[in-house]
PDB file of N, CA and C in Angstrom:
ATOM      1  N   MET A   1       0.836  -1.180   0.000  1.00  0.00           N
ATOM      2  CA  MET A   1       0.000   0.000   0.000  1.00  0.00           C
ATOM      3  C   MET A   1       0.881   1.243   0.000  1.00  0.00           C
ATOM      4  N   SER A   2       0.444   2.222  -0.754  1.00  0.00           N
ATOM      5  CA  SER A   2       1.195   3.464  -0.892  1.00  0.00           C
ATOM      6  C   SER A   2       1.042   4.330   0.348  1.00  0.00           C
ATOM      7  N   ARG A   3       2.119   4.995   0.724  1.00  0.00           N
ATOM      8  CA  ARG A   3       2.046   5.896   1.875  1.00  0.00           C
ATOM      9  C   ARG A   3       1.605   7.283   1.458  1.00  0.00           C
ATOM     10  N   TYR A   4       1.376   7.473   0.172  1.00  0.00           N
ATOM     11  CA  TYR A   4       0.906   8.750  -0.352  1.00  0.00           C
ATOM     12  C   TYR A   4      -0.607   8.682  -0.522  1.00  0.00           C
ATOM     13  N   THR A   5      -1.265   9.827  -0.397  1.00  0.00           N
ATOM     14  CA  THR A   5      -2.722   9.855  -0.483  1.00  0.00           C
ATOM     15  C   THR A   5      -3.170  10.725  -1.650  1.00  0.00           C
ATOM     16  N   GLY A   6      -4.438  10.584  -1.999  1.00  0.00           N
ATOM     17  CA  GLY A   6      -5.024  11.405  -3.048  1.00  0.00           C
ATOM     18  C   GLY A   6      -4.402  11.147  -4.409  1.00  0.00           C
ATOM     19  N   LYS A   7      -4.305  12.221  -5.185  1.00  0.00           N
ATOM     20  CA  LYS A   7      -3.756  12.146  -6.540  1.00  0.00           C
ATOM     21  C   LYS A   7      -2.313  11.638  -6.529  1.00  0.00           C
ATOM     22  N   LEU A   8      -1.548  12.067  -5.535  1.00  0.00           N
ATOM     23  CA  LEU A   8      -0.157  11.629  -5.409  1.00  0.00           C
ATOM     24  C   LEU A   8      -0.089  10.114  -5.196  1.00  0.00           C
ATOM     25  N   GLY A   9      -1.004   9.578  -4.393  1.00  0.00           N
ATOM     26  CA  GLY A   9      -1.062   8.132  -4.161  1.00  0.00           C
ATOM     27  C   GLY A   9      -1.422   7.361  -5.419  1.00  0.00           C
ATOM     28  N   GLU A  10      -2.372   7.911  -6.183  1.00  0.00           N
ATOM     29  CA  GLU A  10      -2.764   7.262  -7.439  1.00  0.00           C
ATOM     30  C   GLU A  10      -1.592   7.210  -8.415  1.00  0.00           C
ATOM     31  N   LEU A  11      -0.887   8.338  -8.520  1.00  0.00           N
ATOM     32  CA  LEU A  11       0.250   8.389  -9.434  1.00  0.00           C
ATOM     33  C   LEU A  11       1.382   7.475  -8.968  1.00  0.00           C
ATOM     34  N   HIS A  12       1.590   7.407  -7.666  1.00  0.00           N
ATOM     35  CA  HIS A  12       2.634   6.521  -7.136  1.00  0.00           C
ATOM     36  C   HIS A  12       2.311   5.066  -7.471  1.00  0.00           C
ATOM     37  N   SER A  13       1.051   4.688  -7.315  1.00  0.00           N
ATOM     38  CA  SER A  13       0.638   3.317  -7.646  1.00  0.00           C
ATOM     39  C   SER A  13       0.822   3.031  -9.134  1.00  0.00           C
ATOM     40  N   ALA A  14       0.444   3.991  -9.981  1.00  0.00           N
ATOM     41  CA  ALA A  14       0.586   3.813 -11.427  1.00  0.00           C
ATOM     42  C   ALA A  14       2.057   3.712 -11.818  1.00  0.00           C
ATOM     43  N   TYR A  15       2.890   4.549 -11.212  1.00  0.00           N
ATOM     44  CA  TYR A  15       4.330   4.541 -11.507  1.00  0.00           C
ATOM     45  C   TYR A  15       4.942   3.215 -11.057  1.00  0.00           C
ATOM     46  N   THR A  16       4.556   2.765  -9.871  1.00  0.00           N
ATOM     47  CA  THR A  16       5.060   1.491  -9.349  1.00  0.00           C
ATOM     48  C   THR A  16       4.681   0.341 -10.274  1.00  0.00           C
ATOM     49  N   ARG A  17       3.445   0.363 -10.772  1.00  0.00           N
ATOM     50  CA  ARG A  17       2.970  -0.701 -11.657  1.00  0.00           C
ATOM     51  C   ARG A  17       3.758  -0.722 -12.965  1.00  0.00           C
ATOM     52  N   VAL A  18       3.936   0.453 -13.585  1.00  0.00           N
ATOM     53  CA  VAL A  18       4.637   0.486 -14.870  1.00  0.00           C
ATOM     54  C   VAL A  18       6.111   0.116 -14.703  1.00  0.00           C
ATOM     55  N   VAL A  19       6.726   0.501 -13.596  1.00  0.00           N
ATOM     56  CA  VAL A  19       8.127   0.134 -13.356  1.00  0.00           C
ATOM     57  C   VAL A  19       8.240  -1.374 -13.148  1.00  0.00           C
ATOM     58  N   SER A  20       7.236  -1.974 -12.511  1.00  0.00           N
ATOM     59  CA  SER A  20       7.286  -3.425 -12.285  1.00  0.00           C
ATOM     60  C   SER A  20       7.184  -4.204 -13.598  1.00  0.00           C
ATOM     61  N   LEU A  21       6.612  -3.584 -14.628  1.00  0.00           N
ATOM     62  CA  LEU A  21       6.473  -4.236 -15.931  1.00  0.00           C
ATOM     63  C   LEU A  21       7.715  -4.089 -16.805  1.00  0.00           C
ATOM     64  N   TRP A  22       8.652  -3.240 -16.373  1.00  0.00           N
ATOM     65  CA  TRP A  22       9.846  -2.987 -17.186  1.00  0.00           C
ATOM     66  C   TRP A  22      10.657  -4.275 -17.318  1.00  0.00           C
ATOM     67  N   PRO A  23      11.099  -4.623 -18.528  1.00  0.00           N
ATOM     68  CA  PRO A  23      11.833  -5.884 -18.717  1.00  0.00           C
ATOM     69  C   PRO A  23      13.227  -5.852 -18.087  1.00  0.00           C
ATOM     70  N   VAL A  24      13.702  -7.020 -17.725  1.00  0.00           N
ATOM     71  CA  VAL A  24      15.036  -7.170 -17.148  1.00  0.00           C
ATOM     72  C   VAL A  24      16.044  -7.301 -18.289  1.00  0.00           C
ATOM     73  N   ASP A  25      17.196  -6.688 -18.139  1.00  0.00           N
ATOM     74  CA  ASP A  25      18.272  -6.801 -19.123  1.00  0.00           C
ATOM     75  C   ASP A  25      18.801  -8.230 -19.084  1.00  0.00           C
ATOM     76  N   LYS A  26      18.741  -8.920 -20.211  1.00  0.00           N
ATOM     77  CA  LYS A  26      19.136 -10.330 -20.251  1.00  0.00           C
ATOM     78  C   LYS A  26      20.611 -10.534 -19.947  1.00  0.00           C
ATOM     79  N   LEU A  27      21.446  -9.625 -20.408  1.00  0.00           N
ATOM     80  CA  LEU A  27      22.885  -9.802 -20.226  1.00  0.00           C
ATOM     81  C   LEU A  27      23.385  -9.273 -18.893  1.00  0.00           C
ATOM     82  N   ARG A  28      22.722  -8.254 -18.376  1.00  0.00           N
ATOM     83  CA  ARG A  28      23.156  -7.652 -17.108  1.00  0.00           C
ATOM     84  C   ARG A  28      21.963  -7.517 -16.162  1.00  0.00           C
ATOM     85  N   PRO A  29      21.459  -8.618 -15.646  1.00  0.00           N
ATOM     86  CA  PRO A  29      20.276  -8.535 -14.784  1.00  0.00           C
ATOM     87  C   PRO A  29      20.516  -7.752 -13.497  1.00  0.00           C
ATOM     88  N   SER A  30      21.772  -7.641 -13.074  1.00  0.00           N
ATOM     89  CA  SER A  30      22.051  -6.888 -11.848  1.00  0.00           C
ATOM     90  C   SER A  30      22.187  -5.385 -12.117  1.00  0.00           C
ATOM     91  N   HIS A  31      22.261  -4.996 -13.382  1.00  0.00           N
ATOM     92  CA  HIS A  31      22.352  -3.583 -13.751  1.00  0.00           C
ATOM     93  C   HIS A  31      21.135  -3.221 -14.602  1.00  0.00           C
ATOM     94  N   CYS A  32      19.998  -3.293 -13.998  1.00  0.00           N
ATOM     95  CA  CYS A  32      18.745  -3.157 -14.716  1.00  0.00           C
ATOM     96  C   CYS A  32      18.213  -1.720 -14.648  1.00  0.00           C
ATOM     97  N   TYR A  33      17.644  -1.263 -15.740  1.00  0.00           N
ATOM     98  CA  TYR A  33      17.055   0.076 -15.785  1.00  0.00           C
ATOM     99  C   TYR A  33      15.872   0.182 -14.825  1.00  0.00           C
ATOM    100  N   LYS A  34      15.258  -0.949 -14.521  1.00  0.00           N
ATOM    101  CA  LYS A  34      14.151  -0.967 -13.565  1.00  0.00           C
ATOM    102  C   LYS A  34      14.604  -0.410 -12.215  1.00  0.00           C
ATOM    103  N   ASN A  35      15.825  -0.749 -11.796  1.00  0.00           N
ATOM    104  CA  ASN A  35      16.356  -0.236 -10.530  1.00  0.00           C
ATOM    105  C   ASN A  35      16.527   1.277 -10.579  1.00  0.00           C
ATOM    106  N   VAL A  36      16.998   1.776 -11.714  1.00  0.00           N
ATOM    107  CA  VAL A  36      17.166   3.223 -11.884  1.00  0.00           C
ATOM    108  C   VAL A  36      15.812   3.915 -11.816  1.00  0.00           C
ATOM    109  N   LEU A  37      14.820   3.340 -12.484  1.00  0.00           N
ATOM    110  CA  LEU A  37      13.477   3.925 -12.446  1.00  0.00           C
ATOM    111  C   LEU A  37      12.915   3.933 -11.027  1.00  0.00           C
ATOM    112  N   ASN A  38      13.145   2.856 -10.278  1.00  0.00           N
ATOM    113  CA  ASN A  38      12.681   2.806  -8.887  1.00  0.00           C
ATOM    114  C   ASN A  38      13.334   3.890  -8.039  1.00  0.00           C
ATOM    115  N   GLN A  39      14.638   4.057  -8.175  1.00  0.00           N
ATOM    116  CA  GLN A  39      15.338   5.092  -7.413  1.00  0.00           C
ATOM    117  C   GLN A  39      14.829   6.476  -7.785  1.00  0.00           C
ATOM    118  N   GLN A  40      14.665   6.702  -9.082  1.00  0.00           N
ATOM    119  CA  GLN A  40      14.155   7.979  -9.565  1.00  0.00           C
ATOM    120  C   GLN A  40      12.762   8.244  -9.013  1.00  0.00           C
ATOM    121  N   MET A  41      11.921   7.220  -9.040  1.00  0.00           N
ATOM    122  CA  MET A  41      10.557   7.350  -8.555  1.00  0.00           C
ATOM    123  C   MET A  41      10.545   7.727  -7.082  1.00  0.00           C
ATOM    124  N   ASN A  42      11.353   7.054  -6.275  1.00  0.00           N
ATOM    125  CA  ASN A  42      11.384   7.353  -4.842  1.00  0.00           C
ATOM    126  C   ASN A  42      11.806   8.788  -4.583  1.00  0.00           C
ATOM    127  N   LEU A  43      12.820   9.258  -5.296  1.00  0.00           N
ATOM    128  CA  LEU A  43      13.269  10.643  -5.125  1.00  0.00           C
ATOM    129  C   LEU A  43      12.188  11.636  -5.538  1.00  0.00           C
ATOM    130  N   LYS A  44      11.525  11.371  -6.659  1.00  0.00           N
ATOM    131  CA  LYS A  44      10.477  12.272  -7.149  1.00  0.00           C
ATOM    132  C   LYS A  44       9.328  12.383  -6.157  1.00  0.00           C
ATOM    133  N   PHE A  45       8.875  11.248  -5.660  1.00  0.00           N
ATOM    134  CA  PHE A  45       7.709  11.279  -4.790  1.00  0.00           C
ATOM    135  C   PHE A  45       8.037  11.822  -3.402  1.00  0.00           C
ATOM    136  N   GLU A  46       9.265  11.648  -2.953  1.00  0.00           N
ATOM    137  CA  GLU A  46       9.678  12.290  -1.696  1.00  0.00           C
ATOM    138  C   GLU A  46       9.629  13.807  -1.856  1.00  0.00           C
ATOM    139  N   LYS A  47      10.132  14.287  -2.992  1.00  0.00           N
ATOM    140  CA  LYS A  47      10.123  15.728  -3.264  1.00  0.00           C
ATOM    141  C   LYS A  47       8.687  16.232  -3.404  1.00  0.00           C
ATOM    142  N   LEU A  48       7.859  15.477  -4.118  1.00  0.00           N
ATOM    143  CA  LEU A  48       6.475  15.898  -4.344  1.00  0.00           C
ATOM    144  C   LEU A  48       5.667  15.958  -3.053  1.00  0.00           C
ATOM    145  N   SER A  49       6.015  15.119  -2.087  1.00  0.00           N
ATOM    146  CA  SER A  49       5.258  15.114  -0.832  1.00  0.00           C
ATOM    147  C   SER A  49       5.523  16.369  -0.001  1.00  0.00           C
ATOM    148  N   THR A  50       6.533  17.169  -0.378  1.00  0.00           N
ATOM    149  CA  THR A  50       6.859  18.379   0.388  1.00  0.00           C
ATOM    150  C   THR A  50       6.370  19.663  -0.271  1.00  0.00           C
ATOM    151  N   ILE A  51       5.873  19.605  -1.518  1.00  0.00           N
ATOM    152  CA  ILE A  51       5.426  20.831  -2.181  1.00  0.00           C
ATOM    153  C   ILE A  51       3.907  20.876  -2.264  1.00  0.00           C
ATOM    154  N   HIS A  52       3.370  22.078  -2.477  1.00  0.00           N
ATOM    155  CA  HIS A  52       1.912  22.276  -2.492  1.00  0.00           C
ATOM    156  C   HIS A  52       1.533  23.280  -3.575  1.00  0.00           C
ATOM    157  N   GLY A  53       0.237  23.392  -3.809  1.00  0.00           N
ATOM    158  CA  GLY A  53      -0.298  24.432  -4.681  1.00  0.00           C
ATOM    159  C   GLY A  53      -0.048  24.207  -6.155  1.00  0.00           C
ATOM    160  N   THR A  54       0.150  25.318  -6.852  1.00  0.00           N
ATOM    161  CA  THR A  54       0.311  25.309  -8.306  1.00  0.00           C
ATOM    162  C   THR A  54       1.520  24.498  -8.741  1.00  0.00           C
ATOM    163  N   GLN A  55       2.597  24.625  -8.000  1.00  0.00           N
ATOM    164  CA  GLN A  55       3.809  23.880  -8.346  1.00  0.00           C
ATOM    165  C   GLN A  55       3.551  22.376  -8.273  1.00  0.00           C
ATOM    166  N   LEU A  56       2.798  21.940  -7.256  1.00  0.00           N
ATOM    167  CA  LEU A  56       2.466  20.518  -7.124  1.00  0.00           C
ATOM    168  C   LEU A  56       1.634  20.058  -8.317  1.00  0.00           C
ATOM    169  N   ASN A  57       0.633  20.861  -8.707  1.00  0.00           N
ATOM    170  CA  ASN A  57      -0.215  20.485  -9.842  1.00  0.00           C
ATOM    171  C   ASN A  57       0.593  20.360 -11.132  1.00  0.00           C
ATOM    172  N   GLN A  58       1.541  21.270 -11.339  1.00  0.00           N
ATOM    173  CA  GLN A  58       2.388  21.197 -12.525  1.00  0.00           C
ATOM    174  C   GLN A  58       3.243  19.930 -12.503  1.00  0.00           C
ATOM    175  N   GLU A  59       3.793  19.626 -11.353  1.00  0.00           N
ATOM    176  CA  GLU A  59       4.624  18.422 -11.221  1.00  0.00           C
ATOM    177  C   GLU A  59       3.795  17.155 -11.411  1.00  0.00           C
ATOM    178  N   LEU A  60       2.564  17.148 -10.894  1.00  0.00           N
ATOM    179  CA  LEU A  60       1.694  15.980 -11.054  1.00  0.00           C
ATOM    180  C   LEU A  60       1.364  15.758 -12.526  1.00  0.00           C
ATOM    181  N   ASP A  61       1.121  16.852 -13.266  1.00  0.00           N
ATOM    182  CA  ASP A  61       0.861  16.730 -14.704  1.00  0.00           C
ATOM    183  C   ASP A  61       2.075  16.139 -15.424  1.00  0.00           C
ATOM    184  N   ARG A  62       3.256  16.584 -15.044  1.00  0.00           N
ATOM    185  CA  ARG A  62       4.488  16.080 -15.661  1.00  0.00           C
ATOM    186  C   ARG A  62       4.684  14.594 -15.346  1.00  0.00           C
ATOM    187  N   ILE A  63       4.382  14.209 -14.098  1.00  0.00           N
ATOM    188  CA  ILE A  63       4.499  12.798 -13.699  1.00  0.00           C
ATOM    189  C   ILE A  63       3.511  11.944 -14.495  1.00  0.00           C
ATOM    190  N   GLU A  64       2.300  12.460 -14.710  1.00  0.00           N
ATOM    191  CA  GLU A  64       1.317  11.727 -15.518  1.00  0.00           C
ATOM    192  C   GLU A  64       1.846  11.492 -16.929  1.00  0.00           C
ATOM    193  N   GLN A  65       2.485  12.501 -17.503  1.00  0.00           N
ATOM    194  CA  GLN A  65       3.060  12.358 -18.840  1.00  0.00           C
ATOM    195  C   GLN A  65       4.176  11.313 -18.841  1.00  0.00           C
ATOM    196  N   GLU A  66       4.997  11.312 -17.811  1.00  0.00           N
ATOM    197  CA  GLU A  66       6.068  10.314 -17.707  1.00  0.00           C
ATOM    198  C   GLU A  66       5.493   8.906 -17.619  1.00  0.00           C
ATOM    199  N   ILE A  67       4.453   8.744 -16.817  1.00  0.00           N
ATOM    200  CA  ILE A  67       3.825   7.429 -16.660  1.00  0.00           C
ATOM    201  C   ILE A  67       3.255   6.959 -17.995  1.00  0.00           C
ATOM    202  N   THR A  68       2.608   7.869 -18.723  1.00  0.00           N
ATOM    203  CA  THR A  68       2.063   7.526 -20.036  1.00  0.00           C
ATOM    204  C   THR A  68       3.176   7.099 -20.985  1.00  0.00           C
ATOM    205  N   ALA A  69       4.276   7.852 -20.991  1.00  0.00           N
ATOM    206  CA  ALA A  69       5.407   7.511 -21.866  1.00  0.00           C
ATOM    207  C   ALA A  69       6.006   6.156 -21.486  1.00  0.00           C
ATOM    208  N   LEU A  70       6.176   5.896 -20.189  1.00  0.00           N
ATOM    209  CA  LEU A  70       6.720   4.607 -19.750  1.00  0.00           C
ATOM    210  C   LEU A  70       5.789   3.462 -20.133  1.00  0.00           C
ATOM    211  N   ASN A  71       4.480   3.672 -19.971  1.00  0.00           N
ATOM    212  CA  ASN A  71       3.509   2.653 -20.382  1.00  0.00           C
ATOM    213  C   ASN A  71       3.635   2.363 -21.873  1.00  0.00           C
ATOM    214  N   ASN A  72       3.768   3.421 -22.668  1.00  0.00           N
ATOM    215  CA  ASN A  72       3.911   3.237 -24.112  1.00  0.00           C
ATOM    216  C   ASN A  72       5.187   2.476 -24.455  1.00  0.00           C
ATOM    217  N   LEU A  73       6.265   2.750 -23.728  1.00  0.00           N
ATOM    218  CA  LEU A  73       7.517   2.025 -23.960  1.00  0.00           C
ATOM    219  C   LEU A  73       7.384   0.555 -23.581  1.00  0.00           C
ATOM    220  N   VAL A  74       6.760   0.289 -22.445  1.00  0.00           N
ATOM    221  CA  VAL A  74       6.590  -1.096 -21.989  1.00  0.00           C
ATOM    222  C   VAL A  74       5.727  -1.880 -22.972  1.00  0.00           C
ATOM    223  N   LYS A  75       4.712  -1.229 -23.527  1.00  0.00           N
ATOM    224  CA  LYS A  75       3.804  -1.900 -24.460  1.00  0.00           C
ATOM    225  C   LYS A  75       4.315  -1.878 -25.898  1.00  0.00           C
ATOM    226  N   SER A  76       5.501  -1.317 -26.114  1.00  0.00           N
ATOM    227  CA  SER A  76       6.117  -1.222 -27.447  1.00  0.00           C
ATOM    228  C   SER A  76       5.268  -0.438 -28.438  1.00  0.00           C
ATOM    229  N   LYS A  77       4.510   0.533 -27.945  1.00  0.00           N
ATOM    230  CA  LYS A  77       3.649   1.331 -28.815  1.00  0.00           C
ATOM    231  C   LYS A  77       4.468   2.070 -29.870  1.00  0.00           C
ATOM    232  N   TYR A  78       5.568   2.662 -29.465  1.00  0.00           N
ATOM    233  CA  TYR A  78       6.390   3.429 -30.400  1.00  0.00           C
ATOM    234  C   TYR A  78       7.039   2.526 -31.437  1.00  0.00           C
ATOM    235  N   ARG A  79       7.350   1.315 -31.039  1.00  0.00           N
ATOM    236  CA  ARG A  79       7.962   0.364 -31.972  1.00  0.00           C
ATOM    237  C   ARG A  79       6.996   0.027 -33.100  1.00  0.00           C
ATOM    238  N   PHE A  80       5.726  -0.133 -32.759  1.00  0.00           N
ATOM    239  CA  PHE A  80       4.738  -0.480 -33.767  1.00  0.00           C
ATOM    240  C   PHE A  80       4.343   0.732 -34.603  1.00  0.00           C
ATOM    241  N   GLN A  81       4.368   1.916 -34.004  1.00  0.00           N
ATOM    242  CA  GLN A  81       4.028   3.133 -34.745  1.00  0.00           C
ATOM    243  C   GLN A  81       5.122   3.519 -35.728  1.00  0.00           C
ATOM    244  N   ASN A  82       6.355   3.290 -35.358  1.00  0.00           N
ATOM    245  CA  ASN A  82       7.495   3.734 -36.158  1.00  0.00           C
ATOM    246  C   ASN A  82       8.320   2.533 -36.607  1.00  0.00           C
ATOM    247  N   LYS A  83       7.791   1.814 -37.556  1.00  0.00           N
ATOM    248  CA  LYS A  83       8.477   0.622 -38.057  1.00  0.00           C
ATOM    249  C   LYS A  83       9.809   1.008 -38.694  1.00  0.00           C
ATOM    250  N   VAL A  84      10.816   0.201 -38.419  1.00  0.00           N
ATOM    251  CA  VAL A  84      12.132   0.402 -39.015  1.00  0.00           C
ATOM    252  C   VAL A  84      12.159  -0.359 -40.335  1.00  0.00           C
ATOM    253  N   SER A  85      12.685   0.283 -41.359  1.00  0.00           N
ATOM    254  CA  SER A  85      12.673  -0.340 -42.688  1.00  0.00           C
ATOM    255  C   SER A  85      13.589  -1.564 -42.731  1.00  0.00           C
ATOM    256  N   GLU A  86      13.303  -2.418 -43.670  1.00  0.00           N
ATOM    257  CA  GLU A  86      14.085  -3.642 -43.877  1.00  0.00           C
ATOM    258  C   GLU A  86      15.527  -3.313 -44.264  1.00  0.00           C
ATOM    259  N   ASP A  87      15.724  -2.195 -44.942  1.00  0.00           N
ATOM    260  CA  ASP A  87      17.084  -1.790 -45.332  1.00  0.00           C
ATOM    261  C   ASP A  87      17.965  -1.529 -44.115  1.00  0.00           C
ATOM    262  N   ILE A  88      17.370  -1.067 -43.040  1.00  0.00           N
ATOM    263  CA  ILE A  88      18.138  -0.781 -41.827  1.00  0.00           C
ATOM    264  C   ILE A  88      18.344  -2.047 -41.002  1.00  0.00           C
ATOM    265  N   THR A  89      17.298  -2.845 -40.862  1.00  0.00           N
ATOM    266  CA  THR A  89      17.408  -4.044 -40.027  1.00  0.00           C
ATOM    267  C   THR A  89      18.144  -5.189 -40.711  1.00  0.00           C
ATOM    268  N   ASN A  90      18.243  -5.129 -42.019  1.00  0.00           N
ATOM    269  CA  ASN A  90      18.921  -6.188 -42.758  1.00  0.00           C
ATOM    270  C   ASN A  90      19.760  -5.554 -43.872  1.00  0.00           C
ATOM    271  N   PRO A  91      20.854  -4.866 -43.514  1.00  0.00           N
ATOM    272  CA  PRO A  91      21.632  -4.131 -44.517  1.00  0.00           C
ATOM    273  C   PRO A  91      22.283  -5.057 -45.544  1.00  0.00           C
ATOM    274  N   ALA A  92      22.391  -4.563 -46.760  1.00  0.00           N
ATOM    275  CA  ALA A  92      22.972  -5.356 -47.851  1.00  0.00           C
ATOM    276  C   ALA A  92      24.424  -5.714 -47.568  1.00  0.00           C
ATOM    277  N   SER A  93      25.120  -4.868 -46.845  1.00  0.00           N
ATOM    278  CA  SER A  93      26.536  -5.118 -46.571  1.00  0.00           C
ATOM    279  C   SER A  93      26.762  -6.250 -45.572  1.00  0.00           C
ATOM    280  N   HIS A  94      25.733  -6.571 -44.799  1.00  0.00           N
ATOM    281  CA  HIS A  94      25.916  -7.613 -43.777  1.00  0.00           C
ATOM    282  C   HIS A  94      24.555  -8.253 -43.475  1.00  0.00           C
ATOM    283  N   ARG A  95      24.075  -9.041 -44.414  1.00  0.00           N
ATOM    284  CA  ARG A  95      22.757  -9.685 -44.276  1.00  0.00           C
ATOM    285  C   ARG A  95      22.689 -10.548 -43.019  1.00  0.00           C
ATOM    286  N   GLY A  96      21.602 -10.421 -42.296  1.00  0.00           N
ATOM    287  CA  GLY A  96      21.376 -11.261 -41.126  1.00  0.00           C
ATOM    288  C   GLY A  96      22.131 -10.842 -39.880  1.00  0.00           C
ATOM    289  N   TYR A  97      22.824  -9.713 -39.906  1.00  0.00           N
ATOM    290  CA  TYR A  97      23.646  -9.294 -38.765  1.00  0.00           C
ATOM    291  C   TYR A  97      22.802  -9.135 -37.502  1.00  0.00           C
ATOM    292  N   TYR A  98      21.717  -8.391 -37.598  1.00  0.00           N
ATOM    293  CA  TYR A  98      20.924  -8.119 -36.399  1.00  0.00           C
ATOM    294  C   TYR A  98      20.187  -9.359 -35.909  1.00  0.00           C
ATOM    295  N   THR A  99      19.772 -10.212 -36.820  1.00  0.00           N
ATOM    296  CA  THR A  99      19.148 -11.469 -36.417  1.00  0.00           C
ATOM    297  C   THR A  99      20.143 -12.318 -35.639  1.00  0.00           C
ATOM    298  N   LYS A 100      21.367 -12.413 -36.163  1.00  0.00           N
ATOM    299  CA  LYS A 100      22.411 -13.178 -35.472  1.00  0.00           C
ATOM    300  C   LYS A 100      22.776 -12.534 -34.140  1.00  0.00           C
ATOM    301  N   LEU A 101      22.788 -11.204 -34.104  1.00  0.00           N
ATOM    302  CA  LEU A 101      23.093 -10.497 -32.862  1.00  0.00           C
ATOM    303  C   LEU A 101      22.063 -10.832 -31.785  1.00  0.00           C
ATOM    304  N   LEU A 102      20.781 -10.781 -32.134  1.00  0.00           N
ATOM    305  CA  LEU A 102      19.733 -11.106 -31.165  1.00  0.00           C
ATOM    306  C   LEU A 102      19.816 -12.560 -30.716  1.00  0.00           C
ATOM    307  N   GLU A 103      20.091 -13.461 -31.647  1.00  0.00           N
ATOM    308  CA  GLU A 103      20.250 -14.870 -31.278  1.00  0.00           C
ATOM    309  C   GLU A 103      21.435 -15.050 -30.339  1.00  0.00           C
ATOM    310  N   SER A 104      22.521 -14.345 -30.617  1.00  0.00           N
ATOM    311  CA  SER A 104      23.713 -14.430 -29.771  1.00  0.00           C
ATOM    312  C   SER A 104      23.432 -13.899 -28.367  1.00  0.00           C
ATOM    313  N   ILE A 105      22.684 -12.813 -28.287  1.00  0.00           N
ATOM    314  CA  ILE A 105      22.317 -12.256 -26.976  1.00  0.00           C
ATOM    315  C   ILE A 105      21.453 -13.246 -26.209  1.00  0.00           C
ATOM    316  N   ASP A 106      20.490 -13.872 -26.899  1.00  0.00           N
ATOM    317  CA  ASP A 106      19.648 -14.873 -26.232  1.00  0.00           C
ATOM    318  C   ASP A 106      20.476 -16.048 -25.726  1.00  0.00           C
ATOM    319  N   ARG A 107      21.403 -16.538 -26.554  1.00  0.00           N
ATOM    320  CA  ARG A 107      22.260 -17.652 -26.120  1.00  0.00           C
ATOM    321  C   ARG A 107      23.131 -17.236 -24.938  1.00  0.00           C
ATOM    322  N   ALA A 108      23.708 -16.048 -25.020  1.00  0.00           N
ATOM    323  CA  ALA A 108      24.590 -15.572 -23.946  1.00  0.00           C
ATOM    324  C   ALA A 108      23.819 -15.366 -22.651  1.00  0.00           C
ATOM    325  N   SER A 109      22.574 -14.932 -22.755  1.00  0.00           N
ATOM    326  CA  SER A 109      21.791 -14.705 -21.539  1.00  0.00           C
ATOM    327  C   SER A 109      21.420 -16.016 -20.857  1.00  0.00           C
ATOM    328  N   GLN A 110      21.376 -17.094 -21.632  1.00  0.00           N
ATOM    329  CA  GLN A 110      21.034 -18.393 -21.057  1.00  0.00           C
ATOM    330  C   GLN A 110      22.264 -19.148 -20.560  1.00  0.00           C
ATOM    331  N   SER A 111      23.436 -18.764 -21.031  1.00  0.00           N
ATOM    332  CA  SER A 111      24.650 -19.451 -20.599  1.00  0.00           C
ATOM    333  C   SER A 111      25.233 -18.775 -19.366  1.00  0.00           C
ATOM    334  N   LYS A 112      26.202 -19.435 -18.769  1.00  0.00           N
ATOM    335  CA  LYS A 112      26.838 -18.885 -17.568  1.00  0.00           C
ATOM    336  C   LYS A 112      27.860 -17.817 -17.922  1.00  0.00           C
ATOM    337  N   ASP A 113      28.442 -17.903 -19.103  1.00  0.00           N
ATOM    338  CA  ASP A 113      29.481 -16.960 -19.513  1.00  0.00           C
ATOM    339  C   ASP A 113      28.857 -15.856 -20.363  1.00  0.00           C
ATOM    340  N   LYS A 114      28.373 -14.804 -19.714  1.00  0.00           N
ATOM    341  CA  LYS A 114      27.684 -13.730 -20.405  1.00  0.00           C
ATOM    342  C   LYS A 114      28.643 -12.755 -21.092  1.00  0.00           C
ATOM    343  N   GLY A 115      29.926 -12.959 -20.922  1.00  0.00           N
ATOM    344  CA  GLY A 115      30.902 -12.049 -21.503  1.00  0.00           C
ATOM    345  C   GLY A 115      31.248 -12.342 -22.950  1.00  0.00           C
ATOM    346  N   LYS A 116      30.785 -13.449 -23.477  1.00  0.00           N
ATOM    347  CA  LYS A 116      31.165 -13.825 -24.838  1.00  0.00           C
ATOM    348  C   LYS A 116      29.964 -13.777 -25.777  1.00  0.00           C
ATOM    349  N   LEU A 117      30.012 -12.845 -26.708  1.00  0.00           N
ATOM    350  CA  LEU A 117      29.008 -12.759 -27.756  1.00  0.00           C
ATOM    351  C   LEU A 117      29.691 -13.051 -29.084  1.00  0.00           C
ATOM    352  N   ARG A 118      29.108 -13.945 -29.871  1.00  0.00           N
ATOM    353  CA  ARG A 118      29.666 -14.255 -31.188  1.00  0.00           C
ATOM    354  C   ARG A 118      28.636 -13.908 -32.241  1.00  0.00           C
ATOM    355  N   ILE A 119      29.071 -13.140 -33.210  1.00  0.00           N
ATOM    356  CA  ILE A 119      28.190 -12.746 -34.304  1.00  0.00           C
ATOM    357  C   ILE A 119      28.897 -13.016 -35.621  1.00  0.00           C
ATOM    358  N   ASP A 120      29.178 -14.242 -35.912  1.00  0.00           N
ATOM    359  CA  ASP A 120      29.911 -14.590 -37.138  1.00  0.00           C
ATOM    360  C   ASP A 120      29.042 -14.465 -38.352  1.00  0.00           C
TER     361      ASP A 120
END
């Protein structure tokens, strides 16, 4: 349960939910962006709990925009809206490079030796 009340409590719950949905880095699970978002969130809400009035309303609006953007990132909305062309994802100079890179990352994330990536 959130220790914040009212609109601040609602936003804290929404922020907590979207941060919990953030994916874990396969290669560096101990250096995850989710941890950075959690730290940032705690600092923001501590600061917000001390301000009042118009400044608080402006900050709450900004936090709502951040939550919306994070939700869109988690749901890959921007990825589907802005498709990358085949020429970029599969360049003529190195066919299959990105496919092999993703496969290599998946293999490395499942193995114990995460320091070795091969993209032959």
